[in-house]
Amino acid sequence: MKSLSLSKPHVLVMIGAPGVGKTYFAEQFAETFKAPLVSRERIGFEITANPTGTKDELAIISRIAGGQLVELLKTQRSIIIDGGADTRADRVALRKLVREAGYDVLYIWVQTDSATAQYRATKQTRGSAKKALTEAEYMSRLKQFSPPGPNEKPIVISGKHTYATQVKVVLKRLVEPRVQEADLSHQAKTESGRAGSRQIVIR
């Protein structure tokens, strides 16, 4: 697929509890849409081979991710963000930043059942560099997550369904405003044409 060509660039923000599949979908969306991805997890592994999640480490990751985003916002290209949007306060600050840069925000809330999410988050996958969380770490991160409110208008996708079905849900939300704009533009032109035709006087 070609890069997203929208009337207004978007920042697609992945949100959800640990283990629901945010990173998987973020990487797939970035590949499908040919969009840059700001991933705090990737940054963490660039900093150290064994991220520990200390306060200082997270602060460094946050600064680097923030710097990446500020530079990417200059391109007016749609962007995917994975990480750093777990709380409402995080999302308020992020929305203010991207809107000032002329972007729209689309929150993609990935959901799956709690048992599956906990299993994924606490199990070390063979061949994966990603560190499995302990049960205590999982519960701590789960408590930190603030579900989005209705005013944030998230789009909900399933972390257990196929990517092909879920990307269609996202595309539909992204394309709908363009279809509405096109319909309004067509309607305005039609009405203008009718008004113009009424003004024609044949003598």
N, C-alpha and C. Protein backbone atom coordinates (compact mmCIF):
# COMPACT_ATOMS: atom_id res chain seq x y z
N MET A 1 0.84 -1.19 0.00
CA MET A 1 0.00 0.00 0.00
C MET A 1 0.87 1.24 0.00
N LYS A 2 0.42 2.29 -0.70
CA LYS A 2 1.15 3.55 -0.71
C LYS A 2 0.98 4.23 0.64
N SER A 3 1.80 5.26 0.88
CA SER A 3 1.69 6.00 2.13
C SER A 3 0.32 6.65 2.22
N LEU A 4 -0.12 6.90 3.47
CA LEU A 4 -1.43 7.50 3.69
C LEU A 4 -1.48 8.87 3.03
N SER A 5 -2.47 9.08 2.18
CA SER A 5 -2.66 10.37 1.54
C SER A 5 -3.98 10.94 2.03
N LEU A 6 -3.91 11.68 3.13
CA LEU A 6 -5.11 12.22 3.76
C LEU A 6 -5.15 13.74 3.59
N SER A 7 -6.35 14.30 3.67
CA SER A 7 -6.47 15.75 3.54
C SER A 7 -5.75 16.46 4.69
N LYS A 8 -5.61 15.76 5.82
CA LYS A 8 -4.88 16.30 6.96
C LYS A 8 -4.05 15.16 7.56
N PRO A 9 -2.76 15.38 7.83
CA PRO A 9 -1.95 14.28 8.37
C PRO A 9 -2.44 13.86 9.74
N HIS A 10 -2.27 12.59 10.04
CA HIS A 10 -2.74 12.03 11.31
C HIS A 10 -1.58 11.45 12.11
N VAL A 11 -1.74 11.48 13.43
CA VAL A 11 -0.89 10.71 14.33
C VAL A 11 -1.76 9.59 14.87
N LEU A 12 -1.37 8.34 14.54
CA LEU A 12 -2.11 7.17 15.02
C LEU A 12 -1.44 6.70 16.30
N VAL A 13 -2.15 6.80 17.40
CA VAL A 13 -1.59 6.50 18.72
C VAL A 13 -2.13 5.18 19.23
N MET A 14 -1.24 4.23 19.45
CA MET A 14 -1.64 2.92 19.95
C MET A 14 -1.80 2.98 21.47
N ILE A 15 -2.95 2.55 21.96
CA ILE A 15 -3.17 2.52 23.40
C ILE A 15 -3.78 1.18 23.80
N GLY A 16 -3.58 0.83 25.06
CA GLY A 16 -4.12 -0.43 25.55
C GLY A 16 -3.30 -0.97 26.69
N ALA A 17 -3.83 -1.95 27.36
CA ALA A 17 -3.15 -2.58 28.50
C ALA A 17 -1.95 -3.37 28.01
N PRO A 18 -1.03 -3.75 28.90
CA PRO A 18 0.13 -4.55 28.49
C PRO A 18 -0.31 -5.89 27.90
N GLY A 19 0.36 -6.33 26.85
CA GLY A 19 0.11 -7.66 26.29
C GLY A 19 -1.05 -7.77 25.33
N VAL A 20 -1.71 -6.67 24.98
CA VAL A 20 -2.87 -6.77 24.10
C VAL A 20 -2.49 -6.85 22.62
N GLY A 21 -1.26 -6.44 22.30
CA GLY A 21 -0.82 -6.51 20.90
C GLY A 21 -0.55 -5.16 20.25
N LYS A 22 -0.36 -4.12 21.06
CA LYS A 22 -0.14 -2.77 20.53
C LYS A 22 1.07 -2.70 19.61
N THR A 23 2.18 -3.27 20.06
CA THR A 23 3.42 -3.17 19.28
C THR A 23 3.29 -3.92 17.96
N TYR A 24 2.68 -5.08 17.98
CA TYR A 24 2.49 -5.83 16.74
C TYR A 24 1.71 -5.01 15.73
N PHE A 25 0.58 -4.45 16.17
CA PHE A 25 -0.25 -3.67 15.25
C PHE A 25 0.46 -2.39 14.81
N ALA A 26 1.19 -1.75 15.72
CA ALA A 26 1.91 -0.53 15.37
C ALA A 26 2.91 -0.80 14.24
N GLU A 27 3.64 -1.89 14.36
CA GLU A 27 4.63 -2.25 13.33
C GLU A 27 3.96 -2.59 12.01
N GLN A 28 2.84 -3.28 12.08
CA GLN A 28 2.12 -3.64 10.86
C GLN A 28 1.53 -2.40 10.18
N PHE A 29 0.95 -1.49 10.98
CA PHE A 29 0.40 -0.26 10.40
C PHE A 29 1.51 0.56 9.74
N ALA A 30 2.65 0.65 10.41
CA ALA A 30 3.77 1.42 9.86
C ALA A 30 4.21 0.85 8.52
N GLU A 31 4.23 -0.45 8.42
CA GLU A 31 4.62 -1.11 7.17
C GLU A 31 3.55 -0.92 6.09
N THR A 32 2.31 -1.13 6.45
CA THR A 32 1.21 -1.02 5.48
C THR A 32 1.07 0.40 4.95
N PHE A 33 1.13 1.39 5.87
CA PHE A 33 0.90 2.78 5.49
C PHE A 33 2.18 3.50 5.07
N LYS A 34 3.33 2.80 5.13
CA LYS A 34 4.61 3.43 4.81
C LYS A 34 4.81 4.69 5.67
N ALA A 35 4.47 4.54 6.94
CA ALA A 35 4.53 5.67 7.87
C ALA A 35 5.64 5.45 8.90
N PRO A 36 6.31 6.54 9.32
CA PRO A 36 7.33 6.40 10.35
C PRO A 36 6.71 5.98 11.68
N LEU A 37 7.46 5.20 12.44
CA LEU A 37 7.00 4.68 13.73
C LEU A 37 7.90 5.20 14.85
N VAL A 38 7.29 5.83 15.85
CA VAL A 38 8.01 6.22 17.06
C VAL A 38 7.69 5.17 18.11
N SER A 39 8.66 4.30 18.39
CA SER A 39 8.44 3.18 19.30
C SER A 39 9.35 3.30 20.52
N ARG A 40 8.78 3.47 21.67
CA ARG A 40 9.58 3.57 22.89
C ARG A 40 10.27 2.25 23.21
N GLU A 41 9.64 1.16 22.82
CA GLU A 41 10.26 -0.14 23.07
C GLU A 41 11.56 -0.27 22.26
N ARG A 42 11.50 0.11 20.99
CA ARG A 42 12.71 0.05 20.15
C ARG A 42 13.81 0.95 20.70
N ILE A 43 13.42 2.14 21.12
CA ILE A 43 14.41 3.07 21.67
C ILE A 43 15.06 2.46 22.90
N GLY A 44 14.26 1.81 23.74
CA GLY A 44 14.79 1.18 24.94
C GLY A 44 15.86 0.15 24.62
N PHE A 45 15.63 -0.66 23.57
CA PHE A 45 16.60 -1.68 23.20
C PHE A 45 17.82 -1.10 22.51
N GLU A 46 17.69 0.11 21.95
CA GLU A 46 18.85 0.79 21.38
C GLU A 46 19.75 1.33 22.49
N ILE A 47 19.13 1.74 23.57
CA ILE A 47 19.89 2.29 24.69
C ILE A 47 20.64 1.20 25.44
N THR A 48 19.97 0.08 25.69
CA THR A 48 20.57 -1.02 26.43
C THR A 48 19.99 -2.35 25.96
N ALA A 49 20.82 -3.38 25.99
CA ALA A 49 20.35 -4.70 25.56
C ALA A 49 19.40 -5.31 26.59
N ASN A 50 19.40 -4.75 27.80
CA ASN A 50 18.56 -5.30 28.86
C ASN A 50 17.84 -4.18 29.60
N PRO A 51 16.79 -3.62 28.98
CA PRO A 51 16.06 -2.53 29.63
C PRO A 51 15.49 -2.96 30.98
N THR A 52 15.64 -2.08 31.96
CA THR A 52 15.18 -2.42 33.30
C THR A 52 13.93 -1.65 33.72
N GLY A 53 13.64 -0.58 32.98
CA GLY A 53 12.45 0.19 33.31
C GLY A 53 12.61 1.11 34.50
N THR A 54 13.86 1.48 34.82
CA THR A 54 14.07 2.41 35.93
C THR A 54 13.56 3.79 35.55
N LYS A 55 13.38 4.65 36.55
CA LYS A 55 12.86 6.00 36.31
C LYS A 55 13.78 6.78 35.39
N ASP A 56 15.10 6.70 35.63
CA ASP A 56 16.07 7.42 34.79
C ASP A 56 16.05 6.91 33.36
N GLU A 57 15.97 5.60 33.21
CA GLU A 57 15.95 4.99 31.87
C GLU A 57 14.71 5.42 31.10
N LEU A 58 13.56 5.40 31.76
CA LEU A 58 12.31 5.80 31.12
C LEU A 58 12.32 7.29 30.74
N ALA A 59 12.99 8.10 31.57
CA ALA A 59 13.07 9.53 31.28
C ALA A 59 13.90 9.77 30.01
N ILE A 60 14.98 9.01 29.85
CA ILE A 60 15.82 9.13 28.65
C ILE A 60 15.04 8.71 27.41
N ILE A 61 14.33 7.57 27.52
CA ILE A 61 13.53 7.07 26.40
C ILE A 61 12.47 8.09 26.02
N SER A 62 11.84 8.69 27.03
CA SER A 62 10.79 9.68 26.78
C SER A 62 11.35 10.90 26.04
N ARG A 63 12.54 11.35 26.43
CA ARG A 63 13.15 12.51 25.76
C ARG A 63 13.49 12.20 24.31
N ILE A 64 14.04 11.01 24.07
CA ILE A 64 14.40 10.63 22.70
C ILE A 64 13.16 10.50 21.84
N ALA A 65 12.13 9.82 22.36
CA ALA A 65 10.89 9.64 21.61
C ALA A 65 10.24 10.99 21.32
N GLY A 66 10.27 11.89 22.30
CA GLY A 66 9.70 13.22 22.11
C GLY A 66 10.43 13.99 21.03
N GLY A 67 11.77 13.87 21.04
CA GLY A 67 12.58 14.54 20.02
C GLY A 67 12.30 14.00 18.63
N GLN A 68 12.16 12.69 18.52
CA GLN A 68 11.83 12.07 17.23
C GLN A 68 10.50 12.60 16.71
N LEU A 69 9.50 12.64 17.59
CA LEU A 69 8.17 13.07 17.19
C LEU A 69 8.17 14.53 16.71
N VAL A 70 8.85 15.40 17.45
CA VAL A 70 8.90 16.82 17.08
C VAL A 70 9.49 16.98 15.67
N GLU A 71 10.54 16.21 15.37
CA GLU A 71 11.15 16.31 14.04
C GLU A 71 10.23 15.74 12.96
N LEU A 72 9.57 14.63 13.26
CA LEU A 72 8.68 14.01 12.27
C LEU A 72 7.44 14.86 11.99
N LEU A 73 7.00 15.62 12.98
CA LEU A 73 5.83 16.48 12.78
C LEU A 73 6.11 17.56 11.73
N LYS A 74 7.37 17.87 11.51
CA LYS A 74 7.73 18.88 10.51
C LYS A 74 7.49 18.37 9.08
N THR A 75 7.40 17.06 8.93
CA THR A 75 7.28 16.47 7.58
C THR A 75 5.85 16.51 7.05
N GLN A 76 4.86 16.70 7.94
CA GLN A 76 3.44 16.67 7.57
C GLN A 76 3.03 15.32 6.99
N ARG A 77 3.76 14.28 7.39
CA ARG A 77 3.40 12.90 7.04
C ARG A 77 2.72 12.25 8.23
N SER A 78 1.81 11.33 7.96
CA SER A 78 1.16 10.60 9.05
C SER A 78 2.18 9.75 9.80
N ILE A 79 1.98 9.60 11.10
CA ILE A 79 2.96 8.99 11.99
C ILE A 79 2.25 7.98 12.89
N ILE A 80 2.95 6.90 13.24
CA ILE A 80 2.44 5.91 14.21
C ILE A 80 3.22 6.08 15.51
N ILE A 81 2.52 6.05 16.64
CA ILE A 81 3.18 6.14 17.95
C ILE A 81 2.83 4.91 18.78
N ASP A 82 3.86 4.26 19.30
CA ASP A 82 3.66 3.09 20.17
C ASP A 82 4.37 3.36 21.49
N GLY A 83 3.58 3.59 22.52
CA GLY A 83 4.14 3.86 23.85
C GLY A 83 4.02 5.32 24.23
N GLY A 84 3.93 5.56 25.54
CA GLY A 84 3.89 6.93 26.04
C GLY A 84 2.50 7.55 26.06
N ALA A 85 1.46 6.73 25.93
CA ALA A 85 0.09 7.28 25.93
C ALA A 85 -0.81 6.47 26.85
N ASP A 86 -0.25 5.96 27.94
CA ASP A 86 -1.02 5.10 28.84
C ASP A 86 -2.00 5.87 29.73
N THR A 87 -1.68 7.12 30.05
CA THR A 87 -2.55 7.88 30.94
C THR A 87 -3.25 9.00 30.18
N ARG A 88 -4.32 9.51 30.75
CA ARG A 88 -5.04 10.62 30.11
C ARG A 88 -4.15 11.85 30.03
N ALA A 89 -3.34 12.06 31.07
CA ALA A 89 -2.43 13.21 31.07
C ALA A 89 -1.44 13.12 29.92
N ASP A 90 -0.92 11.90 29.69
CA ASP A 90 0.00 11.68 28.56
C ASP A 90 -0.68 12.05 27.25
N ARG A 91 -1.93 11.61 27.11
CA ARG A 91 -2.65 11.80 25.84
C ARG A 91 -3.06 13.26 25.63
N VAL A 92 -3.38 13.96 26.72
CA VAL A 92 -3.72 15.38 26.61
C VAL A 92 -2.51 16.17 26.11
N ALA A 93 -1.34 15.90 26.70
CA ALA A 93 -0.12 16.60 26.28
C ALA A 93 0.23 16.27 24.83
N LEU A 94 0.08 15.00 24.46
CA LEU A 94 0.39 14.57 23.10
C LEU A 94 -0.55 15.22 22.09
N ARG A 95 -1.85 15.23 22.41
CA ARG A 95 -2.83 15.82 21.50
C ARG A 95 -2.55 17.30 21.29
N LYS A 96 -2.20 18.02 22.35
CA LYS A 96 -1.90 19.46 22.24
C LYS A 96 -0.71 19.67 21.30
N LEU A 97 0.32 18.86 21.47
CA LEU A 97 1.53 19.00 20.64
C LEU A 97 1.24 18.77 19.17
N VAL A 98 0.54 17.68 18.85
CA VAL A 98 0.34 17.34 17.44
C VAL A 98 -0.68 18.25 16.77
N ARG A 99 -1.67 18.70 17.52
CA ARG A 99 -2.65 19.61 16.92
C ARG A 99 -2.03 20.96 16.60
N GLU A 100 -1.11 21.40 17.45
CA GLU A 100 -0.41 22.66 17.16
C GLU A 100 0.43 22.55 15.90
N ALA A 101 0.82 21.31 15.56
CA ALA A 101 1.61 21.07 14.34
C ALA A 101 0.73 20.83 13.12
N GLY A 102 -0.61 20.93 13.30
CA GLY A 102 -1.52 20.77 12.17
C GLY A 102 -1.97 19.35 11.90
N TYR A 103 -1.86 18.48 12.91
CA TYR A 103 -2.22 17.08 12.77
C TYR A 103 -3.55 16.77 13.46
N ASP A 104 -4.22 15.73 13.00
CA ASP A 104 -5.33 15.13 13.73
C ASP A 104 -4.81 13.90 14.48
N VAL A 105 -5.49 13.56 15.57
CA VAL A 105 -5.11 12.39 16.36
C VAL A 105 -6.16 11.30 16.20
N LEU A 106 -5.69 10.06 16.01
CA LEU A 106 -6.59 8.91 16.03
C LEU A 106 -6.04 7.92 17.04
N TYR A 107 -6.80 7.72 18.13
CA TYR A 107 -6.40 6.74 19.14
C TYR A 107 -6.90 5.37 18.72
N ILE A 108 -5.99 4.42 18.66
CA ILE A 108 -6.35 3.05 18.32
C ILE A 108 -6.21 2.21 19.59
N TRP A 109 -7.35 1.84 20.14
CA TRP A 109 -7.40 1.12 21.41
C TRP A 109 -7.45 -0.37 21.12
N VAL A 110 -6.36 -1.05 21.41
CA VAL A 110 -6.26 -2.49 21.17
C VAL A 110 -6.77 -3.21 22.42
N GLN A 111 -7.71 -4.13 22.22
CA GLN A 111 -8.29 -4.84 23.35
C GLN A 111 -8.22 -6.34 23.14
N THR A 112 -8.03 -7.04 24.23
CA THR A 112 -8.16 -8.50 24.23
C THR A 112 -8.52 -8.92 25.65
N ASP A 113 -8.85 -10.16 25.84
CA ASP A 113 -9.25 -10.59 27.19
C ASP A 113 -8.04 -10.56 28.13
N SER A 114 -8.30 -10.34 29.41
CA SER A 114 -7.23 -10.13 30.39
C SER A 114 -6.31 -11.34 30.53
N ALA A 115 -6.86 -12.55 30.43
CA ALA A 115 -6.03 -13.75 30.58
C ALA A 115 -5.00 -13.85 29.45
N THR A 116 -5.44 -13.59 28.22
CA THR A 116 -4.54 -13.64 27.07
C THR A 116 -3.48 -12.54 27.17
N ALA A 117 -3.90 -11.33 27.54
CA ALA A 117 -2.97 -10.21 27.66
C ALA A 117 -1.90 -10.49 28.71
N GLN A 118 -2.31 -11.01 29.85
CA GLN A 118 -1.36 -11.30 30.92
C GLN A 118 -0.39 -12.40 30.48
N TYR A 119 -0.89 -13.42 29.83
CA TYR A 119 -0.04 -14.51 29.36
C TYR A 119 1.01 -13.99 28.38
N ARG A 120 0.56 -13.17 27.42
CA ARG A 120 1.50 -12.62 26.42
C ARG A 120 2.57 -11.76 27.07
N ALA A 121 2.14 -10.92 28.02
CA ALA A 121 3.07 -9.96 28.62
C ALA A 121 4.10 -10.62 29.53
N THR A 122 3.73 -11.74 30.14
CA THR A 122 4.63 -12.37 31.12
C THR A 122 5.37 -13.59 30.57
N LYS A 123 5.14 -13.91 29.29
CA LYS A 123 5.82 -15.06 28.69
C LYS A 123 6.93 -14.59 27.75
N GLN A 124 8.10 -15.13 27.92
CA GLN A 124 9.22 -14.79 27.04
C GLN A 124 9.10 -15.59 25.75
N THR A 125 8.95 -14.88 24.64
CA THR A 125 8.84 -15.54 23.34
C THR A 125 10.23 -15.93 22.83
N ARG A 126 10.37 -17.16 22.37
CA ARG A 126 11.66 -17.62 21.86
C ARG A 126 12.11 -16.76 20.68
N GLY A 127 13.36 -16.32 20.73
CA GLY A 127 13.92 -15.53 19.63
C GLY A 127 13.58 -14.05 19.73
N SER A 128 12.79 -13.68 20.72
CA SER A 128 12.40 -12.27 20.86
C SER A 128 13.32 -11.58 21.86
N ALA A 129 13.70 -10.34 21.52
CA ALA A 129 14.54 -9.56 22.42
C ALA A 129 13.71 -8.92 23.53
N LYS A 130 12.41 -8.94 23.34
CA LYS A 130 11.53 -8.30 24.31
C LYS A 130 11.53 -9.06 25.63
N LYS A 131 11.74 -8.34 26.70
CA LYS A 131 11.79 -8.95 28.02
C LYS A 131 10.38 -9.19 28.54
N ALA A 132 10.17 -10.40 29.07
CA ALA A 132 8.87 -10.72 29.66
C ALA A 132 8.72 -9.97 30.99
N LEU A 133 7.52 -9.52 31.27
CA LEU A 133 7.26 -8.85 32.55
C LEU A 133 7.04 -9.88 33.64
N THR A 134 7.41 -9.52 34.86
CA THR A 134 7.04 -10.35 35.99
C THR A 134 5.55 -10.09 36.28
N GLU A 135 4.95 -10.93 37.08
CA GLU A 135 3.54 -10.73 37.43
C GLU A 135 3.35 -9.36 38.10
N ALA A 136 4.30 -9.00 38.97
CA ALA A 136 4.20 -7.72 39.68
C ALA A 136 4.32 -6.55 38.71
N GLU A 137 5.26 -6.65 37.76
CA GLU A 137 5.43 -5.59 36.75
C GLU A 137 4.18 -5.45 35.89
N TYR A 138 3.62 -6.60 35.53
CA TYR A 138 2.41 -6.58 34.71
C TYR A 138 1.28 -5.85 35.44
N MET A 139 1.06 -6.20 36.70
CA MET A 139 -0.03 -5.59 37.46
C MET A 139 0.21 -4.10 37.67
N SER A 140 1.47 -3.72 37.86
CA SER A 140 1.80 -2.31 38.04
C SER A 140 1.49 -1.50 36.78
N ARG A 141 1.87 -2.04 35.62
CA ARG A 141 1.60 -1.34 34.35
C ARG A 141 0.10 -1.31 34.04
N LEU A 142 -0.57 -2.37 34.42
CA LEU A 142 -2.02 -2.43 34.18
C LEU A 142 -2.73 -1.34 34.98
N LYS A 143 -2.27 -1.12 36.21
CA LYS A 143 -2.87 -0.08 37.06
C LYS A 143 -2.59 1.32 36.52
N GLN A 144 -1.46 1.48 35.85
CA GLN A 144 -1.09 2.79 35.30
C GLN A 144 -1.92 3.17 34.08
N PHE A 145 -2.48 2.18 33.41
CA PHE A 145 -3.21 2.44 32.18
C PHE A 145 -4.57 3.06 32.46
N SER A 146 -4.85 4.19 31.81
CA SER A 146 -6.15 4.85 31.92
C SER A 146 -6.91 4.64 30.62
N PRO A 147 -8.03 3.92 30.63
CA PRO A 147 -8.81 3.74 29.40
C PRO A 147 -9.25 5.08 28.84
N PRO A 148 -9.32 5.21 27.52
CA PRO A 148 -9.74 6.48 26.92
C PRO A 148 -11.20 6.77 27.19
N GLY A 149 -11.53 8.05 27.30
CA GLY A 149 -12.90 8.46 27.51
C GLY A 149 -13.61 8.68 26.18
N PRO A 150 -14.93 8.83 26.19
CA PRO A 150 -15.70 9.01 24.96
C PRO A 150 -15.24 10.23 24.15
N ASN A 151 -14.78 11.29 24.85
CA ASN A 151 -14.37 12.50 24.14
C ASN A 151 -13.09 12.29 23.32
N GLU A 152 -12.35 11.21 23.64
CA GLU A 152 -11.13 10.92 22.88
C GLU A 152 -11.45 10.15 21.59
N LYS A 153 -12.68 9.68 21.47
CA LYS A 153 -13.18 9.01 20.27
C LYS A 153 -12.21 7.94 19.75
N PRO A 154 -11.86 6.97 20.59
CA PRO A 154 -10.93 5.93 20.11
C PRO A 154 -11.61 4.98 19.14
N ILE A 155 -10.81 4.38 18.30
CA ILE A 155 -11.31 3.29 17.47
C ILE A 155 -10.82 2.01 18.13
N VAL A 156 -11.70 1.05 18.33
CA VAL A 156 -11.36 -0.18 19.04
C VAL A 156 -11.09 -1.30 18.04
N ILE A 157 -9.94 -1.96 18.22
CA ILE A 157 -9.63 -3.13 17.40
C ILE A 157 -9.32 -4.30 18.34
N SER A 158 -9.41 -5.50 17.80
CA SER A 158 -9.20 -6.70 18.59
C SER A 158 -7.76 -7.19 18.47
N GLY A 159 -7.15 -7.45 19.61
CA GLY A 159 -5.80 -7.99 19.63
C GLY A 159 -5.76 -9.49 19.35
N LYS A 160 -6.92 -10.10 19.13
CA LYS A 160 -6.96 -11.54 18.86
C LYS A 160 -7.43 -11.85 17.44
N HIS A 161 -7.91 -10.83 16.72
CA HIS A 161 -8.35 -11.06 15.35
C HIS A 161 -7.21 -10.78 14.38
N THR A 162 -7.39 -11.18 13.13
CA THR A 162 -6.31 -11.04 12.15
C THR A 162 -6.05 -9.59 11.83
N TYR A 163 -4.81 -9.33 11.43
CA TYR A 163 -4.44 -7.97 11.05
C TYR A 163 -5.28 -7.48 9.87
N ALA A 164 -5.51 -8.35 8.91
CA ALA A 164 -6.25 -7.96 7.70
C ALA A 164 -7.63 -7.40 8.04
N THR A 165 -8.31 -8.03 9.00
CA THR A 165 -9.64 -7.54 9.36
C THR A 165 -9.56 -6.23 10.15
N GLN A 166 -8.55 -6.10 11.00
CA GLN A 166 -8.46 -4.93 11.86
C GLN A 166 -7.97 -3.69 11.11
N VAL A 167 -7.11 -3.87 10.11
CA VAL A 167 -6.63 -2.72 9.35
C VAL A 167 -7.77 -2.10 8.55
N LYS A 168 -8.74 -2.90 8.15
CA LYS A 168 -9.90 -2.37 7.43
C LYS A 168 -10.71 -1.42 8.32
N VAL A 169 -10.80 -1.76 9.61
CA VAL A 169 -11.52 -0.92 10.56
C VAL A 169 -10.85 0.45 10.67
N VAL A 170 -9.52 0.43 10.73
CA VAL A 170 -8.76 1.68 10.85
C VAL A 170 -8.88 2.50 9.57
N LEU A 171 -8.74 1.84 8.43
CA LEU A 171 -8.83 2.54 7.15
C LEU A 171 -10.20 3.19 6.97
N LYS A 172 -11.24 2.50 7.40
CA LYS A 172 -12.59 3.04 7.27
C LYS A 172 -12.70 4.35 8.04
N ARG A 173 -12.16 4.40 9.25
CA ARG A 173 -12.23 5.62 10.06
C ARG A 173 -11.41 6.75 9.40
N LEU A 174 -10.26 6.39 8.83
CA LEU A 174 -9.41 7.41 8.20
C LEU A 174 -10.01 7.96 6.91
N VAL A 175 -10.69 7.10 6.17
CA VAL A 175 -11.22 7.50 4.86
C VAL A 175 -12.56 8.21 4.98
N GLU A 176 -13.34 7.92 6.01
CA GLU A 176 -14.68 8.51 6.16
C GLU A 176 -14.69 10.04 6.05
N PRO A 177 -13.78 10.74 6.75
CA PRO A 177 -13.80 12.21 6.62
C PRO A 177 -13.56 12.68 5.19
N ARG A 178 -12.69 11.96 4.45
CA ARG A 178 -12.41 12.36 3.06
C ARG A 178 -13.65 12.16 2.20
N VAL A 179 -14.39 11.08 2.43
CA VAL A 179 -15.62 10.82 1.67
C VAL A 179 -16.65 11.90 1.98
N GLN A 180 -16.77 12.26 3.27
CA GLN A 180 -17.71 13.30 3.66
C GLN A 180 -17.35 14.64 3.03
N GLU A 181 -16.03 14.96 3.02
CA GLU A 181 -15.58 16.21 2.41
C GLU A 181 -15.90 16.22 0.92
N ALA A 182 -15.65 15.08 0.26
CA ALA A 182 -15.92 14.99 -1.18
C ALA A 182 -17.41 15.15 -1.46
N ASP A 183 -18.24 14.53 -0.60
CA ASP A 183 -19.70 14.64 -0.77
C ASP A 183 -20.16 16.09 -0.61
N LEU A 184 -19.61 16.76 0.41
CA LEU A 184 -19.98 18.15 0.65
C LEU A 184 -19.53 19.05 -0.49
N SER A 185 -18.31 18.77 -0.99
CA SER A 185 -17.79 19.56 -2.11
C SER A 185 -18.65 19.37 -3.35
N HIS A 186 -19.02 18.11 -3.61
CA HIS A 186 -19.87 17.81 -4.77
C HIS A 186 -21.23 18.48 -4.63
N GLN A 187 -21.78 18.42 -3.42
CA GLN A 187 -23.08 19.03 -3.16
C GLN A 187 -23.03 20.53 -3.37
N ALA A 188 -21.94 21.16 -2.89
CA ALA A 188 -21.80 22.61 -3.04
C ALA A 188 -21.70 23.00 -4.51
N LYS A 189 -20.92 22.21 -5.28
CA LYS A 189 -20.77 22.50 -6.70
C LYS A 189 -22.10 22.33 -7.44
N THR A 190 -22.84 21.29 -7.05
CA THR A 190 -24.14 21.03 -7.68
C THR A 190 -25.11 22.18 -7.41
N GLU A 191 -25.14 22.60 -6.13
CA GLU A 191 -26.05 23.69 -5.77
C GLU A 191 -25.64 24.99 -6.44
N SER A 192 -24.33 25.18 -6.55
CA SER A 192 -23.82 26.38 -7.22
C SER A 192 -24.21 26.38 -8.69
N GLY A 193 -24.10 25.19 -9.30
CA GLY A 193 -24.47 25.06 -10.71
C GLY A 193 -25.94 25.32 -10.93
N ARG A 194 -26.76 24.82 -9.98
CA ARG A 194 -28.20 25.05 -10.09
C ARG A 194 -28.53 26.53 -9.94
N ALA A 195 -27.85 27.16 -8.98
CA ALA A 195 -28.10 28.58 -8.77
C ALA A 195 -27.70 29.38 -10.00
N GLY A 196 -26.55 28.96 -10.60
CA GLY A 196 -26.07 29.64 -11.80
C GLY A 196 -27.03 29.47 -12.96
N SER A 197 -27.60 28.25 -13.04
CA SER A 197 -28.51 28.00 -14.16
C SER A 197 -29.80 28.79 -14.02
N ARG A 198 -30.21 29.06 -12.77
CA ARG A 198 -31.41 29.83 -12.56
C ARG A 198 -31.22 31.31 -12.95
N GLN A 199 -29.95 31.73 -12.96
CA GLN A 199 -29.66 33.13 -13.27
C GLN A 199 -29.54 33.37 -14.77
N ILE A 200 -29.51 32.30 -15.54
CA ILE A 200 -29.39 32.45 -16.99
C ILE A 200 -30.71 32.89 -17.59
N VAL A 201 -30.70 33.96 -18.35
CA VAL A 201 -31.94 34.47 -18.99
C VAL A 201 -31.72 34.43 -20.50
N ILE A 202 -32.58 33.72 -21.20
CA ILE A 202 -32.49 33.65 -22.67
C ILE A 202 -33.37 34.71 -23.26
N ARG A 203 -32.81 35.62 -24.02
CA ARG A 203 -33.59 36.72 -24.61
C ARG A 203 -33.77 36.48 -26.11
